[in-house]
Amino acid sequence: MDFIKDKLNLLEEKIGGFIYGNTPSLPYGFKEKLVKIFPLIVLVLGFSELPYFGDSANGLVLRYIYNVTGNTYVSGFTISSFVYLVVIILELASIPGLIKKSRKAWYLLYYSSIVRVVAAVLGFSVFNIIFMGTLSSVELYFLFHIKDNY
């Protein structure tokens, strides 16, 4: 467990170093406003990712129906669907902590950003990799710039 924690801390340091060193910082007033509305943003993003999980869950139901009737059906529930479910749970679980401005909530969002990219890669979809990679990059940019407030 310490090995994984050490690797995650190293990844956090590298991402933080890149963001702090290569991106423009946010104005202080904007950071304060962002911290106030961040729980709402996370809530919207969390629910907007439900279709990624829902499509796969529908595929699972259809695959079960087709298997019972003797037909074959290619699509179905994938590992990336489970990983997207983890992302949604992490994001929604972080909302109470974001309201209280706890560091634990910040880490939940940080982990959800990392896991989102892993889910996109596991899905083997170039569009998802680009879209989720961009979404995670933007989220990490804002997360690291408001980290001091948590």
C-alpha atoms as a PDB file:
ATOM      1  CA  MET A   1       0.000   0.000   0.000  1.00  0.00           C
ATOM      2  CA  ASP A   2       2.871   2.340   0.755  1.00  0.00           C
ATOM      3  CA  PHE A   3       4.254   1.671  -2.736  1.00  0.00           C
ATOM      4  CA  ILE A   4       1.028   2.889  -4.360  1.00  0.00           C
ATOM      5  CA  LYS A   5       0.813   5.870  -2.021  1.00  0.00           C
ATOM      6  CA  ASP A   6       4.415   6.815  -2.801  1.00  0.00           C
ATOM      7  CA  LYS A   7       3.760   6.600  -6.549  1.00  0.00           C
ATOM      8  CA  LEU A   8       0.600   8.704  -6.240  1.00  0.00           C
ATOM      9  CA  ASN A   9       2.489  11.311  -4.200  1.00  0.00           C
ATOM     10  CA  LEU A  10       5.247  11.355  -6.825  1.00  0.00           C
ATOM     11  CA  LEU A  11       2.640  11.788  -9.577  1.00  0.00           C
ATOM     12  CA  GLU A  12       1.025  14.610  -7.593  1.00  0.00           C
ATOM     13  CA  GLU A  13       4.387  16.355  -7.243  1.00  0.00           C
ATOM     14  CA  LYS A  14       5.126  16.016 -10.961  1.00  0.00           C
ATOM     15  CA  ILE A  15       1.698  17.240 -12.045  1.00  0.00           C
ATOM     16  CA  GLY A  16       1.803  20.072  -9.510  1.00  0.00           C
ATOM     17  CA  GLY A  17       5.294  21.078 -10.616  1.00  0.00           C
ATOM     18  CA  PHE A  18       4.220  21.116 -14.246  1.00  0.00           C
ATOM     19  CA  ILE A  19       1.051  23.100 -13.547  1.00  0.00           C
ATOM     20  CA  TYR A  20       2.710  25.631 -11.234  1.00  0.00           C
ATOM     21  CA  GLY A  21       5.709  26.035 -13.521  1.00  0.00           C
ATOM     22  CA  ASN A  22       4.107  26.084 -16.972  1.00  0.00           C
ATOM     23  CA  THR A  23       0.637  27.526 -16.617  1.00  0.00           C
ATOM     24  CA  PRO A  24      -0.548  30.984 -15.652  1.00  0.00           C
ATOM     25  CA  SER A  25      -1.850  31.290 -12.125  1.00  0.00           C
ATOM     26  CA  LEU A  26      -5.388  32.302 -11.287  1.00  0.00           C
ATOM     27  CA  PRO A  27      -6.141  35.699  -9.728  1.00  0.00           C
ATOM     28  CA  TYR A  28      -6.852  35.523  -5.994  1.00  0.00           C
ATOM     29  CA  GLY A  29     -10.434  36.820  -6.264  1.00  0.00           C
ATOM     30  CA  PHE A  30     -11.222  34.276  -8.944  1.00  0.00           C
ATOM     31  CA  LYS A  31      -9.819  31.474  -6.781  1.00  0.00           C
ATOM     32  CA  GLU A  32     -12.087  32.477  -3.903  1.00  0.00           C
ATOM     33  CA  LYS A  33     -15.162  32.502  -6.147  1.00  0.00           C
ATOM     34  CA  LEU A  34     -14.128  29.207  -7.722  1.00  0.00           C
ATOM     35  CA  VAL A  35     -13.785  27.547  -4.314  1.00  0.00           C
ATOM     36  CA  LYS A  36     -17.336  28.663  -3.466  1.00  0.00           C
ATOM     37  CA  ILE A  37     -18.912  27.272  -6.658  1.00  0.00           C
ATOM     38  CA  PHE A  38     -16.640  24.226  -7.074  1.00  0.00           C
ATOM     39  CA  PRO A  39     -19.082  21.852  -5.298  1.00  0.00           C
ATOM     40  CA  LEU A  40     -21.769  22.829  -7.798  1.00  0.00           C
ATOM     41  CA  ILE A  41     -19.395  22.332 -10.727  1.00  0.00           C
ATOM     42  CA  VAL A  42     -18.429  18.894  -9.420  1.00  0.00           C
ATOM     43  CA  LEU A  43     -22.089  17.977  -8.966  1.00  0.00           C
ATOM     44  CA  VAL A  44     -22.863  18.898 -12.574  1.00  0.00           C
ATOM     45  CA  LEU A  45     -19.795  17.051 -13.884  1.00  0.00           C
ATOM     46  CA  GLY A  46     -20.591  14.010 -11.765  1.00  0.00           C
ATOM     47  CA  PHE A  47     -24.084  13.724 -13.168  1.00  0.00           C
ATOM     48  CA  SER A  48     -22.928  14.537 -16.695  1.00  0.00           C
ATOM     49  CA  GLU A  49     -20.723  11.436 -16.615  1.00  0.00           C
ATOM     50  CA  LEU A  50     -23.641   9.133 -15.832  1.00  0.00           C
ATOM     51  CA  PRO A  51     -24.304   8.439 -19.542  1.00  0.00           C
ATOM     52  CA  TYR A  52     -20.846   6.861 -19.858  1.00  0.00           C
ATOM     53  CA  PHE A  53     -21.844   4.404 -17.162  1.00  0.00           C
ATOM     54  CA  GLY A  54     -25.497   4.186 -18.230  1.00  0.00           C
ATOM     55  CA  ASP A  55     -24.748   3.235 -21.832  1.00  0.00           C
ATOM     56  CA  SER A  56     -22.620   0.367 -20.637  1.00  0.00           C
ATOM     57  CA  ALA A  57     -25.215  -0.717 -18.088  1.00  0.00           C
ATOM     58  CA  ASN A  58     -27.829  -0.758 -20.856  1.00  0.00           C
ATOM     59  CA  GLY A  59     -25.431  -2.863 -22.884  1.00  0.00           C
ATOM     60  CA  LEU A  60     -25.190  -5.320 -19.996  1.00  0.00           C
ATOM     61  CA  VAL A  61     -28.957  -5.683 -19.849  1.00  0.00           C
ATOM     62  CA  LEU A  62     -29.213  -6.108 -23.616  1.00  0.00           C
ATOM     63  CA  ARG A  63     -26.406  -8.658 -23.640  1.00  0.00           C
ATOM     64  CA  TYR A  64     -28.154 -10.647 -20.912  1.00  0.00           C
ATOM     65  CA  ILE A  65     -31.441 -10.584 -22.844  1.00  0.00           C
ATOM     66  CA  TYR A  66     -29.751 -11.659 -26.065  1.00  0.00           C
ATOM     67  CA  ASN A  67     -27.821 -14.445 -24.305  1.00  0.00           C
ATOM     68  CA  VAL A  68     -31.010 -15.769 -22.694  1.00  0.00           C
ATOM     69  CA  THR A  69     -32.794 -15.841 -26.038  1.00  0.00           C
ATOM     70  CA  GLY A  70     -29.856 -17.576 -27.708  1.00  0.00           C
ATOM     71  CA  ASN A  71     -28.731 -14.651 -29.829  1.00  0.00           C
ATOM     72  CA  THR A  72     -25.253 -13.131 -29.703  1.00  0.00           C
ATOM     73  CA  TYR A  73     -24.614  -9.526 -28.855  1.00  0.00           C
ATOM     74  CA  VAL A  74     -21.180  -7.941 -29.069  1.00  0.00           C
ATOM     75  CA  SER A  75     -21.502  -4.848 -26.892  1.00  0.00           C
ATOM     76  CA  GLY A  76     -21.713  -4.984 -23.135  1.00  0.00           C
ATOM     77  CA  PHE A  77     -20.474  -3.936 -19.757  1.00  0.00           C
ATOM     78  CA  THR A  78     -16.750  -3.221 -19.829  1.00  0.00           C
ATOM     79  CA  ILE A  79     -14.060  -2.620 -17.258  1.00  0.00           C
ATOM     80  CA  SER A  80     -14.030   1.056 -18.204  1.00  0.00           C
ATOM     81  CA  SER A  81     -17.690   1.225 -17.153  1.00  0.00           C
ATOM     82  CA  PHE A  82     -16.772   0.144 -13.660  1.00  0.00           C
ATOM     83  CA  VAL A  83     -13.954   2.667 -13.624  1.00  0.00           C
ATOM     84  CA  TYR A  84     -16.339   5.449 -14.715  1.00  0.00           C
ATOM     85  CA  LEU A  85     -18.613   4.401 -11.875  1.00  0.00           C
ATOM     86  CA  VAL A  86     -15.657   4.832  -9.490  1.00  0.00           C
ATOM     87  CA  VAL A  87     -15.060   8.322 -10.944  1.00  0.00           C
ATOM     88  CA  ILE A  88     -18.690   9.281 -10.405  1.00  0.00           C
ATOM     89  CA  ILE A  89     -18.660   7.953  -6.831  1.00  0.00           C
ATOM     90  CA  LEU A  90     -15.403   9.778  -6.020  1.00  0.00           C
ATOM     91  CA  GLU A  91     -16.713  13.048  -7.413  1.00  0.00           C
ATOM     92  CA  LEU A  92     -20.069  12.882  -5.673  1.00  0.00           C
ATOM     93  CA  ALA A  93     -18.448  11.749  -2.410  1.00  0.00           C
ATOM     94  CA  SER A  94     -16.179  14.802  -2.479  1.00  0.00           C
ATOM     95  CA  ILE A  95     -19.016  17.353  -2.508  1.00  0.00           C
ATOM     96  CA  PRO A  96     -19.666  17.499   1.273  1.00  0.00           C
ATOM     97  CA  GLY A  97     -15.931  17.879   1.881  1.00  0.00           C
ATOM     98  CA  LEU A  98     -15.662  20.595  -0.736  1.00  0.00           C
ATOM     99  CA  ILE A  99     -18.342  22.548   1.041  1.00  0.00           C
ATOM    100  CA  LYS A 100     -16.381  22.153   4.311  1.00  0.00           C
ATOM    101  CA  LYS A 101     -13.121  22.911   2.442  1.00  0.00           C
ATOM    102  CA  SER A 102     -11.382  19.731   3.553  1.00  0.00           C
ATOM    103  CA  ARG A 103      -8.153  18.469   1.982  1.00  0.00           C
ATOM    104  CA  LYS A 104      -9.595  14.951   1.790  1.00  0.00           C
ATOM    105  CA  ALA A 105     -12.201  16.183  -0.698  1.00  0.00           C
ATOM    106  CA  TRP A 106      -9.449  17.772  -2.774  1.00  0.00           C
ATOM    107  CA  TYR A 107      -7.694  14.402  -2.923  1.00  0.00           C
ATOM    108  CA  LEU A 108     -10.913  12.637  -3.931  1.00  0.00           C
ATOM    109  CA  LEU A 109     -11.223  14.970  -6.908  1.00  0.00           C
ATOM    110  CA  TYR A 110      -7.545  14.559  -7.726  1.00  0.00           C
ATOM    111  CA  TYR A 111      -7.928  10.771  -7.743  1.00  0.00           C
ATOM    112  CA  SER A 112     -11.099  10.982  -9.823  1.00  0.00           C
ATOM    113  CA  SER A 113      -9.228  13.004 -12.452  1.00  0.00           C
ATOM    114  CA  ILE A 114      -6.500  10.391 -12.644  1.00  0.00           C
ATOM    115  CA  VAL A 115      -8.975   7.507 -12.697  1.00  0.00           C
ATOM    116  CA  ARG A 116     -10.988   9.240 -15.455  1.00  0.00           C
ATOM    117  CA  VAL A 117      -7.986   9.121 -17.772  1.00  0.00           C
ATOM    118  CA  VAL A 118      -7.413   5.455 -16.903  1.00  0.00           C
ATOM    119  CA  ALA A 119     -11.061   4.707 -17.738  1.00  0.00           C
ATOM    120  CA  ALA A 120     -10.730   6.442 -21.092  1.00  0.00           C
ATOM    121  CA  VAL A 121      -7.620   4.447 -21.932  1.00  0.00           C
ATOM    122  CA  LEU A 122      -9.311   1.196 -20.894  1.00  0.00           C
ATOM    123  CA  GLY A 123     -12.237   2.042 -23.176  1.00  0.00           C
ATOM    124  CA  PHE A 124      -9.932   2.048 -26.242  1.00  0.00           C
ATOM    125  CA  SER A 125     -11.767   4.986 -27.773  1.00  0.00           C
ATOM    126  CA  VAL A 126      -9.625   7.746 -29.239  1.00  0.00           C
ATOM    127  CA  PHE A 127     -12.435  10.267 -28.793  1.00  0.00           C
ATOM    128  CA  ASN A 128     -12.846   9.337 -25.118  1.00  0.00           C
ATOM    129  CA  ILE A 129      -9.110   9.520 -24.512  1.00  0.00           C
ATOM    130  CA  ILE A 130      -8.955  13.007 -26.031  1.00  0.00           C
ATOM    131  CA  PHE A 131     -12.154  14.249 -24.385  1.00  0.00           C
ATOM    132  CA  MET A 132     -11.549  12.790 -20.924  1.00  0.00           C
ATOM    133  CA  GLY A 133      -7.859  13.698 -21.072  1.00  0.00           C
ATOM    134  CA  THR A 134      -8.783  17.295 -21.825  1.00  0.00           C
ATOM    135  CA  LEU A 135     -11.457  17.343 -19.122  1.00  0.00           C
ATOM    136  CA  SER A 136      -9.027  15.908 -16.568  1.00  0.00           C
ATOM    137  CA  SER A 137      -6.317  18.380 -17.581  1.00  0.00           C
ATOM    138  CA  VAL A 138      -8.633  21.338 -17.080  1.00  0.00           C
ATOM    139  CA  GLU A 139      -9.855  19.911 -13.783  1.00  0.00           C
ATOM    140  CA  LEU A 140      -6.286  19.324 -12.583  1.00  0.00           C
ATOM    141  CA  TYR A 141      -5.321  22.865 -13.576  1.00  0.00           C
ATOM    142  CA  PHE A 142      -8.061  24.329 -11.405  1.00  0.00           C
ATOM    143  CA  LEU A 143      -7.553  21.776  -8.627  1.00  0.00           C
ATOM    144  CA  PHE A 144      -3.882  22.555  -8.200  1.00  0.00           C
ATOM    145  CA  HIS A 145      -4.443  26.290  -8.291  1.00  0.00           C
ATOM    146  CA  ILE A 146      -7.062  26.148  -5.527  1.00  0.00           C
ATOM    147  CA  LYS A 147      -5.248  23.488  -3.474  1.00  0.00           C
ATOM    148  CA  ASP A 148      -4.110  26.077  -0.911  1.00  0.00           C
ATOM    149  CA  ASN A 149      -7.738  26.781   0.018  1.00  0.00           C
ATOM    150  CA  TYR A 150      -8.284  23.192   1.212  1.00  0.00           C
END
